[in-house]
Amino acid sequence: MRQIPDAVKAKARLAHEAIHNPSATYAEIDNQNYPITKHRNGCRMVKFGTYVVMEQNKLKNTEYGRRARAGEHLSWVIPSDPNVSWYLIEG
């Protein structure tokens, strides 16, 4: 599996910060505003390029779900290419 490029990780961090700011309605990435929307599971997310950045689902019965319920800010960078690994942003 290929990894997400560092340049995309830096942009995804901006989306992550916006997603976890309850008053934010968009993420500014490369001087463009990308709206924060909600996935059908209720999680806040931002789509940019061929990536989606989505907050961790707190209802999941996983280690990550437990951590999110405990207050940690976790987001997943999800590429549209199935040959690229997902990337976890913490903090």
C-alpha atoms as a PDB file:
ATOM      1  CA  MET A   1       0.000   0.000   0.000  1.00  0.00           C
ATOM      2  CA  ARG A   2       1.143   3.520  -0.753  1.00  0.00           C
ATOM      3  CA  GLN A   3       1.175   6.207   1.926  1.00  0.00           C
ATOM      4  CA  ILE A   4      -0.503   9.603   1.860  1.00  0.00           C
ATOM      5  CA  PRO A   5       2.050  12.280   0.839  1.00  0.00           C
ATOM      6  CA  ASP A   6       3.329  14.650   3.537  1.00  0.00           C
ATOM      7  CA  ALA A   7       1.928  17.671   1.663  1.00  0.00           C
ATOM      8  CA  VAL A   8      -1.561  16.150   1.848  1.00  0.00           C
ATOM      9  CA  LYS A   9      -1.083  15.333   5.535  1.00  0.00           C
ATOM     10  CA  ALA A  10      -0.332  19.011   6.231  1.00  0.00           C
ATOM     11  CA  LYS A  11      -3.495  20.103   4.400  1.00  0.00           C
ATOM     12  CA  ALA A  12      -5.513  17.408   6.157  1.00  0.00           C
ATOM     13  CA  ARG A  13      -4.315  18.763   9.516  1.00  0.00           C
ATOM     14  CA  LEU A  14      -6.045  22.066   8.670  1.00  0.00           C
ATOM     15  CA  ALA A  15      -9.281  20.201   7.945  1.00  0.00           C
ATOM     16  CA  HIS A  16      -8.868  18.224  11.188  1.00  0.00           C
ATOM     17  CA  GLU A  17      -8.514  21.418  13.223  1.00  0.00           C
ATOM     18  CA  ALA A  18     -11.638  22.890  11.628  1.00  0.00           C
ATOM     19  CA  ILE A  19     -13.662  19.688  12.103  1.00  0.00           C
ATOM     20  CA  HIS A  20     -12.901  19.696  15.829  1.00  0.00           C
ATOM     21  CA  ASN A  21     -13.800  23.387  16.222  1.00  0.00           C
ATOM     22  CA  PRO A  22     -17.561  23.278  16.909  1.00  0.00           C
ATOM     23  CA  SER A  23     -18.102  26.814  15.591  1.00  0.00           C
ATOM     24  CA  ALA A  24     -16.254  26.234  12.299  1.00  0.00           C
ATOM     25  CA  THR A  25     -18.315  25.771   9.152  1.00  0.00           C
ATOM     26  CA  TYR A  26     -15.442  25.396   6.702  1.00  0.00           C
ATOM     27  CA  ALA A  27     -11.743  24.538   6.492  1.00  0.00           C
ATOM     28  CA  GLU A  28      -9.389  26.908   4.695  1.00  0.00           C
ATOM     29  CA  ILE A  29      -6.864  24.967   2.638  1.00  0.00           C
ATOM     30  CA  ASP A  30      -4.632  26.644   0.041  1.00  0.00           C
ATOM     31  CA  ASN A  31      -6.720  29.839   0.246  1.00  0.00           C
ATOM     32  CA  GLN A  32      -9.907  27.940  -0.595  1.00  0.00           C
ATOM     33  CA  ASN A  33     -12.818  27.284   1.741  1.00  0.00           C
ATOM     34  CA  TYR A  34     -14.035  23.701   1.928  1.00  0.00           C
ATOM     35  CA  PRO A  35     -17.354  23.236   3.742  1.00  0.00           C
ATOM     36  CA  ILE A  36     -17.651  21.043   6.793  1.00  0.00           C
ATOM     37  CA  THR A  37     -20.494  18.619   6.189  1.00  0.00           C
ATOM     38  CA  LYS A  38     -21.903  15.670   8.082  1.00  0.00           C
ATOM     39  CA  HIS A  39     -21.619  12.088   6.946  1.00  0.00           C
ATOM     40  CA  ARG A  40     -24.738   9.929   7.212  1.00  0.00           C
ATOM     41  CA  ASN A  41     -23.257   8.521  10.444  1.00  0.00           C
ATOM     42  CA  GLY A  42     -23.282  12.050  11.934  1.00  0.00           C
ATOM     43  CA  CYS A  43     -19.515  12.614  11.821  1.00  0.00           C
ATOM     44  CA  ARG A  44     -18.180  15.977  10.640  1.00  0.00           C
ATOM     45  CA  MET A  45     -16.043  15.803   7.515  1.00  0.00           C
ATOM     46  CA  VAL A  46     -14.269  17.861   4.854  1.00  0.00           C
ATOM     47  CA  LYS A  47     -13.748  16.793   1.245  1.00  0.00           C
ATOM     48  CA  PHE A  48     -10.789  18.253  -0.654  1.00  0.00           C
ATOM     49  CA  GLY A  49      -9.179  16.923  -3.798  1.00  0.00           C
ATOM     50  CA  THR A  50      -9.380  13.137  -3.766  1.00  0.00           C
ATOM     51  CA  TYR A  51      -9.437  12.943   0.041  1.00  0.00           C
ATOM     52  CA  VAL A  52     -11.981  13.042   2.838  1.00  0.00           C
ATOM     53  CA  VAL A  53     -11.016  14.010   6.382  1.00  0.00           C
ATOM     54  CA  MET A  54     -13.553  12.642   8.865  1.00  0.00           C
ATOM     55  CA  GLU A  55     -13.723  12.780  12.628  1.00  0.00           C
ATOM     56  CA  GLN A  56     -13.604   9.459  14.450  1.00  0.00           C
ATOM     57  CA  ASN A  57     -17.071   8.006  15.020  1.00  0.00           C
ATOM     58  CA  LYS A  58     -17.563   8.075  18.797  1.00  0.00           C
ATOM     59  CA  LEU A  59     -20.193   5.327  18.584  1.00  0.00           C
ATOM     60  CA  LYS A  60     -17.730   2.756  17.244  1.00  0.00           C
ATOM     61  CA  ASN A  61     -16.855   0.009  19.694  1.00  0.00           C
ATOM     62  CA  THR A  62     -13.113   0.251  19.002  1.00  0.00           C
ATOM     63  CA  GLU A  63     -10.041   1.657  20.700  1.00  0.00           C
ATOM     64  CA  TYR A  64     -10.376   4.774  18.535  1.00  0.00           C
ATOM     65  CA  GLY A  65     -14.058   5.164  19.382  1.00  0.00           C
ATOM     66  CA  ARG A  66     -13.240   4.883  23.085  1.00  0.00           C
ATOM     67  CA  ARG A  67     -10.479   7.466  22.762  1.00  0.00           C
ATOM     68  CA  ALA A  68     -12.820   9.864  20.927  1.00  0.00           C
ATOM     69  CA  ARG A  69     -15.500   9.396  23.609  1.00  0.00           C
ATOM     70  CA  ALA A  70     -12.828  10.233  26.190  1.00  0.00           C
ATOM     71  CA  GLY A  71     -12.312  13.604  24.478  1.00  0.00           C
ATOM     72  CA  GLU A  72      -9.386  12.993  22.132  1.00  0.00           C
ATOM     73  CA  HIS A  73      -9.583  14.711  18.760  1.00  0.00           C
ATOM     74  CA  LEU A  74      -9.066  12.000  16.156  1.00  0.00           C
ATOM     75  CA  SER A  75      -9.644  12.260  12.408  1.00  0.00           C
ATOM     76  CA  TRP A  76      -9.069   9.890   9.520  1.00  0.00           C
ATOM     77  CA  VAL A  77      -7.709  10.948   6.146  1.00  0.00           C
ATOM     78  CA  ILE A  78      -9.466   8.695   3.653  1.00  0.00           C
ATOM     79  CA  PRO A  79      -8.127   8.585   0.092  1.00  0.00           C
ATOM     80  CA  SER A  80     -10.366   7.747  -2.859  1.00  0.00           C
ATOM     81  CA  ASP A  81      -7.595   5.463  -4.174  1.00  0.00           C
ATOM     82  CA  PRO A  82      -7.989   2.017  -2.533  1.00  0.00           C
ATOM     83  CA  ASN A  83      -4.235   1.432  -2.935  1.00  0.00           C
ATOM     84  CA  VAL A  84      -3.407   4.281  -0.520  1.00  0.00           C
ATOM     85  CA  SER A  85      -3.570   3.677   3.245  1.00  0.00           C
ATOM     86  CA  TRP A  86      -5.808   5.677   5.543  1.00  0.00           C
ATOM     87  CA  TYR A  87      -3.971   8.093   7.861  1.00  0.00           C
ATOM     88  CA  LEU A  88      -4.863   8.941  11.457  1.00  0.00           C
ATOM     89  CA  ILE A  89      -4.490  12.505  12.751  1.00  0.00           C
ATOM     90  CA  GLU A  90      -4.320  12.795  16.541  1.00  0.00           C
ATOM     91  CA  GLY A  91      -4.546  15.850  18.736  1.00  0.00           C
END
